[in-house]
Amino acid sequence: MSRVAIIGCGFVADLYMRSLASHPEVTVCTAYDRDHGRLAAFCAHWDVAPAAGLAGLFATLGPDGVVLNLTNPAAHYEVNRACLEAGRHVYSEKPLATDLAQAQALHDLAHARGLMLASAPCSVLGEAAQVLAAAVHRDVAGTPRLVYAELDDGFIPQAPYRKWQSESGAPWPYEDEFKVGCTLEHAGYYLTWLIAMFGRVETVVAASARVIPGKPGGGATPDFSVATLFFSDGPVARLTCSIAAPHDHRIRVIGDKGVLQVARAWDNSAPVRFFRRLTIRRRLLEHPFGRRIRARGATHPKPGRWGAASMNFALGPVEMLAALAEGRACRLSNDMALHLTEVTLAIQNSGRTTGPQTMQSGCERMDLLPWA
């Protein structure tokens, strides 16, 4: 039986527990939260043994399990470092750290200790992302020339977010969400897909801004960003994040033969469609319906929809545990975690005048799952 331990029992922890329930080969051996009331409610709801502190959690987990760091972003660096110093493999909610130097220090520490350090999101291991990447690799749409990726969530400050609550009763941490910002929170959902398909981002040209004043805890944190990403070996991509524009979670890979599209980033089962390009009389257009591209075998458990997402949040920890058991490299590599963090921070912090930024980190393209 593979084992994980959870640090941080807030809103997102329930999403992980619902997903982990679809993986009977994995057990949650213990959990910890510095808020004792939240810890008690979470553990009672999910029948998990509470830990008295981090030392007890590490001892219960042992060296062959994975710690899930589901704390608030401001605590990610401190908690990730404590886990690595205790000799434990870590899967961290995004971002790995809110400062690039801290993320680099975590990467170096993990390398020195021979430990895995992976970063959410893990939807890159989901069916939609893997099938899209496989279609790109098979040149279904021809050579990819351009990618458009949208992560617009609607005008969230007018949503009834104060009423949002997790299964065990944790409120959606809206002040923290607004303070961290939609780029750090959401850009990774498509950045991971792009990095998996095309590898290292060489240059980022981005701009970010606060366009909605007065959000709780928001301060000057950007709530809109747009980035042009130049890959070392791949097409140019444009990625947009906002909590202002109407909801749009599409990604489109534009190739010589047509367009590959996924319409829903937060749905592991979202169909991948190929819209071939054609001419009718004197008009050039893409086919209006598109051909669905499917996986070549059984994929992964799908726990169903909860709230805005229909994702298996456990795919990342499960991949780490499988890599440990099989003695192979993890698809969510330490290098990928650092590179994802650097690119995300470059977009978040770009403001109005930063201009082109050359990335210092990098990683290889992901080995796709066999069923893709």
Protein backbone atom coordinates (compact mmCIF):
# COMPACT_ATOMS: atom_id res chain seq x y z
CA MET A 1 0.00 0.00 0.00
CA SER A 2 1.42 3.42 -1.01
CA ARG A 3 1.18 6.14 1.63
CA VAL A 4 0.68 9.88 1.60
CA ALA A 5 0.39 12.43 4.39
CA ILE A 6 -1.36 15.79 4.13
CA ILE A 7 -0.19 19.12 5.52
CA GLY A 8 -2.92 21.74 5.26
CA CYS A 9 -6.58 20.75 5.65
CA GLY A 10 -8.30 23.68 3.98
CA PHE A 11 -10.57 23.95 0.95
CA VAL A 12 -8.37 22.17 -1.60
CA ALA A 13 -7.58 19.25 0.73
CA ASP A 14 -11.13 17.94 0.30
CA LEU A 15 -10.65 17.86 -3.49
CA TYR A 16 -7.55 15.72 -2.99
CA MET A 17 -9.36 13.40 -0.62
CA ARG A 18 -12.25 12.91 -3.04
CA SER A 19 -9.72 12.07 -5.77
CA LEU A 20 -7.60 9.81 -3.55
CA ALA A 21 -10.74 7.82 -2.76
CA SER A 22 -10.68 6.64 -6.38
CA HIS A 23 -7.18 5.18 -5.85
CA PRO A 24 -7.56 2.27 -3.42
CA GLU A 25 -3.85 1.50 -3.78
CA VAL A 26 -3.06 4.72 -1.86
CA THR A 27 -3.79 5.39 1.80
CA VAL A 28 -3.74 8.73 3.63
CA CYS A 29 -1.94 7.76 6.80
CA THR A 30 -2.15 11.08 8.65
CA ALA A 31 -2.84 14.82 8.29
CA TYR A 32 -1.80 18.01 10.03
CA ASP A 33 -2.99 21.62 10.14
CA ARG A 34 -1.90 24.35 12.52
CA ASP A 35 -5.59 25.26 12.91
CA HIS A 36 -6.64 22.52 15.33
CA GLY A 37 -10.35 23.06 14.73
CA ARG A 38 -9.94 22.70 10.97
CA LEU A 39 -7.74 19.63 11.49
CA ALA A 40 -10.38 18.00 13.70
CA ALA A 41 -13.20 18.70 11.23
CA PHE A 42 -11.21 17.40 8.27
CA CYS A 43 -10.02 14.24 10.00
CA ALA A 44 -13.47 13.45 11.36
CA HIS A 45 -15.08 13.89 7.95
CA TRP A 46 -12.54 11.72 6.10
CA ASP A 47 -11.64 9.31 8.93
CA VAL A 48 -7.95 10.26 8.86
CA ALA A 49 -5.63 10.09 11.87
CA PRO A 50 -4.52 13.60 12.96
CA ALA A 51 -0.85 14.32 13.61
CA ALA A 52 0.19 16.42 16.59
CA GLY A 53 2.87 18.18 14.55
CA LEU A 54 5.20 17.89 11.58
CA ALA A 55 7.63 15.59 13.38
CA GLY A 56 4.87 13.14 14.14
CA LEU A 57 3.57 13.35 10.58
CA PHE A 58 7.00 12.58 9.13
CA ALA A 59 7.47 9.66 11.50
CA THR A 60 4.08 8.17 10.65
CA LEU A 61 4.62 8.54 6.90
CA GLY A 62 8.13 7.12 6.75
CA PRO A 63 10.70 7.73 3.99
CA ASP A 64 8.90 5.87 1.18
CA GLY A 65 5.74 7.96 1.06
CA VAL A 66 4.88 11.40 -0.29
CA VAL A 67 3.91 14.52 1.65
CA LEU A 68 1.14 16.60 0.07
CA ASN A 69 1.76 20.25 0.93
CA LEU A 70 -1.71 21.79 0.66
CA THR A 71 -1.05 24.85 2.80
CA ASN A 72 -1.65 28.45 1.75
CA PRO A 73 0.90 29.75 -0.81
CA ALA A 74 2.67 31.99 1.71
CA ALA A 75 3.63 28.86 3.66
CA HIS A 76 4.72 26.73 0.70
CA TYR A 77 8.44 27.46 0.90
CA GLU A 78 8.69 26.96 4.66
CA VAL A 79 6.70 23.71 4.64
CA ASN A 80 8.39 22.34 1.50
CA ARG A 81 11.79 22.98 3.02
CA ALA A 82 10.83 21.31 6.31
CA CYS A 83 9.67 18.22 4.41
CA LEU A 84 12.84 18.00 2.33
CA GLU A 85 15.06 18.51 5.36
CA ALA A 86 13.20 15.62 7.01
CA GLY A 87 14.08 13.44 4.00
CA ARG A 88 10.55 13.24 2.59
CA HIS A 89 9.41 13.43 -1.04
CA VAL A 90 7.07 16.38 -1.58
CA TYR A 91 4.15 17.18 -3.84
CA SER A 92 3.39 20.88 -3.42
CA GLU A 93 0.31 22.81 -4.34
CA LYS A 94 1.11 25.71 -6.65
CA PRO A 95 3.22 27.72 -6.55
CA LEU A 96 6.31 25.88 -5.33
CA ALA A 97 7.33 29.17 -3.72
CA THR A 98 6.35 32.81 -4.23
CA ASP A 99 9.99 33.83 -4.78
CA LEU A 100 12.28 32.40 -7.48
CA ALA A 101 15.36 32.26 -5.23
CA GLN A 102 13.37 30.22 -2.73
CA ALA A 103 12.14 27.87 -5.46
CA GLN A 104 15.73 27.41 -6.65
CA ALA A 105 16.85 26.68 -3.09
CA LEU A 106 14.15 23.99 -2.77
CA HIS A 107 15.19 22.46 -6.10
CA ASP A 108 18.84 22.38 -5.03
CA LEU A 109 17.99 20.87 -1.65
CA ALA A 110 15.87 18.15 -3.22
CA HIS A 111 18.67 17.34 -5.67
CA ALA A 112 21.25 17.17 -2.89
CA ARG A 113 19.04 14.82 -0.84
CA GLY A 114 17.99 12.65 -3.79
CA LEU A 115 14.32 13.52 -3.24
CA MET A 116 11.40 14.15 -5.57
CA LEU A 117 9.88 17.63 -5.53
CA ALA A 118 6.81 18.01 -7.72
CA SER A 119 4.45 20.91 -8.20
CA ALA A 120 0.74 21.07 -8.93
CA PRO A 121 -1.25 21.20 -11.09
CA CYS A 122 -1.27 17.57 -12.18
CA SER A 123 -3.99 17.89 -14.82
CA VAL A 124 -1.13 17.50 -17.31
CA LEU A 125 -1.36 13.78 -16.45
CA GLY A 126 -5.09 13.76 -17.18
CA GLU A 127 -6.74 12.32 -20.25
CA ALA A 128 -7.36 15.60 -22.11
CA ALA A 129 -3.79 16.88 -21.73
CA GLN A 130 -2.15 13.57 -22.57
CA VAL A 131 -4.32 12.94 -25.63
CA LEU A 132 -3.69 16.49 -26.87
CA ALA A 133 0.07 16.08 -26.42
CA ALA A 134 0.01 12.73 -28.21
CA ALA A 135 -1.91 14.28 -31.11
CA VAL A 136 0.69 17.05 -31.33
CA HIS A 137 3.53 14.51 -31.30
CA ARG A 138 1.83 12.50 -34.06
CA ASP A 139 1.47 15.64 -36.22
CA VAL A 140 -2.31 15.24 -36.42
CA ALA A 141 -2.58 18.98 -37.16
CA GLY A 142 0.78 19.14 -38.90
CA THR A 143 3.69 21.17 -37.56
CA PRO A 144 2.41 23.36 -34.69
CA ARG A 145 2.96 27.04 -35.43
CA LEU A 146 1.02 28.88 -32.74
CA VAL A 147 -0.87 28.13 -29.50
CA TYR A 148 -3.66 30.18 -27.95
CA ALA A 149 -4.47 29.31 -24.33
CA GLU A 150 -7.15 31.03 -22.25
CA LEU A 151 -7.67 30.88 -18.49
CA ASP A 152 -10.37 33.49 -18.00
CA ASP A 153 -12.71 32.74 -15.08
CA GLY A 154 -15.41 35.36 -15.38
CA PHE A 155 -15.88 38.43 -13.17
CA ILE A 156 -15.09 36.57 -9.94
CA PRO A 157 -15.38 39.55 -7.53
CA GLN A 158 -19.13 39.55 -8.28
CA ALA A 159 -19.51 35.79 -7.75
CA PRO A 160 -21.04 34.50 -4.47
CA TYR A 161 -17.61 33.29 -3.34
CA ARG A 162 -18.33 33.86 0.35
CA LYS A 163 -20.81 30.98 0.11
CA TRP A 164 -18.34 28.52 -1.44
CA GLN A 165 -17.51 25.71 0.96
CA SER A 166 -15.71 22.37 0.74
CA GLU A 167 -17.12 18.97 1.70
CA SER A 168 -15.73 19.10 5.24
CA GLY A 169 -16.85 22.69 5.74
CA ALA A 170 -13.78 24.74 4.82
CA PRO A 171 -14.60 28.11 3.23
CA TRP A 172 -13.04 29.09 -0.08
CA PRO A 173 -10.01 31.20 0.97
CA TYR A 174 -11.05 34.22 -1.08
CA GLU A 175 -8.73 36.75 0.56
CA ASP A 176 -5.75 34.51 -0.03
CA GLU A 177 -6.87 33.76 -3.60
CA PHE A 178 -7.16 37.45 -4.46
CA LYS A 179 -3.87 38.25 -2.71
CA VAL A 180 -1.95 35.54 -4.55
CA GLY A 181 -3.64 36.36 -7.84
CA CYS A 182 -5.06 34.40 -10.75
CA THR A 183 -1.73 34.05 -12.57
CA LEU A 184 0.06 32.24 -9.74
CA GLU A 185 -3.10 30.27 -9.01
CA HIS A 186 -4.10 29.30 -12.55
CA ALA A 187 -1.39 29.81 -15.20
CA GLY A 188 0.07 26.39 -14.38
CA TYR A 189 -3.00 24.62 -15.72
CA TYR A 190 -1.89 25.32 -19.27
CA LEU A 191 1.80 26.06 -18.68
CA THR A 192 2.29 22.44 -17.61
CA TRP A 193 0.56 21.22 -20.78
CA LEU A 194 2.73 23.48 -22.93
CA ILE A 195 5.97 22.52 -21.18
CA ALA A 196 5.05 18.84 -21.39
CA MET A 197 4.48 19.16 -25.15
CA PHE A 198 7.30 21.52 -26.12
CA GLY A 199 9.86 21.54 -23.31
CA ARG A 200 11.77 24.59 -22.12
CA VAL A 201 10.39 28.11 -22.37
CA GLU A 202 13.32 30.23 -23.48
CA THR A 203 11.84 33.74 -23.40
CA VAL A 204 8.76 35.27 -21.77
CA VAL A 205 7.32 38.57 -22.98
CA ALA A 206 4.45 39.44 -20.68
CA ALA A 207 2.35 42.18 -19.12
CA SER A 208 0.19 42.06 -16.01
CA ALA A 209 -2.15 44.51 -14.31
CA ARG A 210 -4.77 44.97 -11.65
CA VAL A 211 -7.95 45.87 -13.51
CA ILE A 212 -10.47 45.34 -10.66
CA PRO A 213 -9.78 47.50 -7.56
CA GLY A 214 -11.10 46.80 -4.10
CA LYS A 215 -10.90 43.01 -3.95
CA PRO A 216 -10.63 41.60 -0.39
CA GLY A 217 -6.92 41.16 0.35
CA GLY A 218 -6.11 41.88 -3.28
CA GLY A 219 -3.96 44.97 -2.94
CA ALA A 220 -2.03 45.61 -6.15
CA THR A 221 -1.88 41.93 -7.15
CA PRO A 222 -2.50 41.53 -10.89
CA ASP A 223 -5.87 40.03 -11.81
CA PHE A 224 -5.02 40.00 -15.52
CA SER A 225 -1.94 38.84 -17.38
CA VAL A 226 -1.03 38.00 -20.94
CA ALA A 227 2.20 36.29 -21.98
CA THR A 228 3.88 35.38 -25.23
CA LEU A 229 6.04 32.30 -24.69
CA PHE A 230 8.97 31.45 -26.95
CA PHE A 231 10.07 27.83 -26.61
CA SER A 232 13.59 26.61 -27.26
CA ASP A 233 12.12 24.04 -29.64
CA GLY A 234 8.47 24.62 -30.40
CA PRO A 235 5.82 27.09 -31.50
CA VAL A 236 5.04 30.49 -30.05
CA ALA A 237 2.25 30.42 -27.45
CA ARG A 238 0.00 33.11 -26.04
CA LEU A 239 -1.39 32.53 -22.53
CA THR A 240 -4.00 34.80 -20.93
CA CYS A 241 -5.21 34.71 -17.30
CA SER A 242 -7.90 36.86 -15.72
CA ILE A 243 -10.73 36.98 -13.21
CA ALA A 244 -12.49 39.66 -15.24
CA ALA A 245 -13.10 38.42 -18.79
CA PRO A 246 -15.98 35.99 -19.53
CA HIS A 247 -15.25 32.37 -18.73
CA ASP A 248 -13.04 30.77 -21.38
CA HIS A 249 -10.76 27.80 -20.74
CA ARG A 250 -9.83 26.85 -24.30
CA ILE A 251 -6.48 25.81 -25.65
CA ARG A 252 -5.91 25.72 -29.41
CA VAL A 253 -2.82 24.34 -31.12
CA ILE A 254 -2.70 25.78 -34.62
CA GLY A 255 -0.82 23.67 -37.15
CA ASP A 256 -0.24 23.45 -40.87
CA LYS A 257 -3.24 21.14 -41.41
CA GLY A 258 -5.72 22.64 -38.95
CA VAL A 259 -6.44 23.21 -35.27
CA LEU A 260 -6.39 20.92 -32.23
CA GLN A 261 -8.66 22.17 -29.46
CA VAL A 262 -9.66 21.38 -25.88
CA ALA A 263 -12.47 23.58 -24.56
CA ARG A 264 -12.27 22.89 -20.81
CA ALA A 265 -8.97 23.04 -18.93
CA TRP A 266 -10.44 21.80 -15.65
CA ASP A 267 -12.08 18.68 -17.06
CA ASN A 268 -9.89 15.58 -17.44
CA SER A 269 -12.49 14.12 -19.80
CA ALA A 270 -12.82 17.17 -22.06
CA PRO A 271 -12.74 16.00 -25.69
CA VAL A 272 -9.74 16.73 -27.88
CA ARG A 273 -10.93 17.70 -31.33
CA PHE A 274 -9.13 18.25 -34.63
CA PHE A 275 -10.62 20.86 -36.96
CA ARG A 276 -9.01 20.29 -40.35
CA ARG A 277 -8.51 23.28 -42.60
CA LEU A 278 -10.33 23.36 -45.94
CA THR A 279 -11.33 25.66 -48.75
CA ILE A 280 -14.86 26.04 -50.08
CA ARG A 281 -15.01 28.08 -53.24
CA ARG A 282 -12.94 31.15 -52.35
CA ARG A 283 -13.12 30.77 -48.57
CA LEU A 284 -10.60 29.27 -46.15
CA LEU A 285 -12.06 27.85 -42.94
CA GLU A 286 -11.77 25.10 -40.33
CA HIS A 287 -14.23 22.22 -40.31
CA PRO A 288 -17.20 23.31 -38.12
CA PHE A 289 -17.51 20.13 -36.03
CA GLY A 290 -14.07 18.58 -35.72
CA ARG A 291 -12.97 14.99 -35.34
CA ARG A 292 -12.54 13.69 -31.81
CA ILE A 293 -9.11 12.29 -30.93
CA ARG A 294 -9.34 9.58 -28.28
CA ALA A 295 -6.97 7.81 -25.92
CA ARG A 296 -5.64 4.48 -27.13
CA GLY A 297 -6.56 2.60 -23.95
CA ALA A 298 -8.04 2.86 -20.47
CA THR A 299 -6.88 6.08 -18.85
CA HIS A 300 -7.27 6.90 -15.13
CA PRO A 301 -9.97 7.05 -12.44
CA LYS A 302 -12.30 10.03 -12.74
CA PRO A 303 -13.87 11.08 -9.43
CA GLY A 304 -16.49 13.28 -11.09
CA ARG A 305 -17.31 16.94 -10.94
CA TRP A 306 -17.15 19.03 -7.78
CA GLY A 307 -17.63 22.78 -8.02
CA ALA A 308 -15.85 24.27 -11.02
CA ALA A 309 -13.58 21.30 -11.67
CA SER A 310 -13.86 17.75 -12.92
CA MET A 311 -10.28 16.71 -12.23
CA ASN A 312 -8.46 13.92 -10.47
CA PHE A 313 -6.24 15.89 -8.08
CA ALA A 314 -4.45 12.69 -7.02
CA LEU A 315 -2.77 12.02 -10.37
CA GLY A 316 0.41 13.84 -9.33
CA PRO A 317 0.98 12.06 -6.01
CA VAL A 318 0.03 8.73 -7.64
CA GLU A 319 2.63 9.31 -10.38
CA MET A 320 5.29 10.04 -7.75
CA LEU A 321 4.43 6.88 -5.82
CA ALA A 322 4.52 4.82 -9.02
CA ALA A 323 7.93 6.27 -9.92
CA LEU A 324 9.20 5.33 -6.46
CA ALA A 325 7.83 1.80 -6.70
CA GLU A 326 9.15 1.27 -10.23
CA GLY A 327 12.53 2.91 -9.67
CA ARG A 328 12.12 5.37 -12.56
CA ALA A 329 12.12 9.10 -13.09
CA CYS A 330 8.92 10.91 -12.20
CA ARG A 331 7.07 12.59 -15.06
CA LEU A 332 6.51 15.58 -12.77
CA SER A 333 10.22 16.19 -12.40
CA ASN A 334 12.06 18.51 -10.03
CA ASP A 335 13.28 20.48 -13.07
CA MET A 336 9.73 20.88 -14.32
CA ALA A 337 8.58 22.19 -10.92
CA LEU A 338 11.29 24.85 -10.92
CA HIS A 339 10.77 25.83 -14.55
CA LEU A 340 7.01 26.10 -14.09
CA THR A 341 7.57 28.36 -11.08
CA GLU A 342 10.06 30.59 -12.90
CA VAL A 343 7.82 31.08 -15.93
CA THR A 344 4.74 31.73 -13.77
CA LEU A 345 6.53 34.30 -11.62
CA ALA A 346 7.90 36.00 -14.74
CA ILE A 347 4.33 36.46 -16.02
CA GLN A 348 2.89 37.50 -12.64
CA ASN A 349 5.57 40.10 -11.94
CA SER A 350 5.87 41.52 -15.46
CA GLY A 351 3.78 44.66 -14.93
CA ARG A 352 3.79 47.24 -17.74
CA THR A 353 7.45 47.67 -18.65
CA THR A 354 9.47 44.53 -17.91
CA GLY A 355 9.95 43.46 -21.52
CA PRO A 356 11.53 40.17 -22.65
CA GLN A 357 12.74 37.86 -19.86
CA THR A 358 15.17 35.00 -20.49
CA MET A 359 14.47 31.96 -18.38
CA GLN A 360 17.39 30.44 -16.47
CA SER A 361 15.84 27.06 -15.70
CA GLY A 362 14.58 24.40 -18.07
CA CYS A 363 13.30 20.85 -18.42
CA GLU A 364 12.74 18.16 -21.01
CA ARG A 365 9.46 17.30 -22.70
CA MET A 366 7.36 14.85 -20.72
CA ASP A 367 7.25 11.15 -21.54
CA LEU A 368 3.59 10.57 -22.27
CA LEU A 369 1.57 7.89 -20.52
CA PRO A 370 1.25 4.65 -22.53
CA TRP A 371 -2.51 4.94 -23.04
CA ALA A 372 -2.25 8.40 -24.63
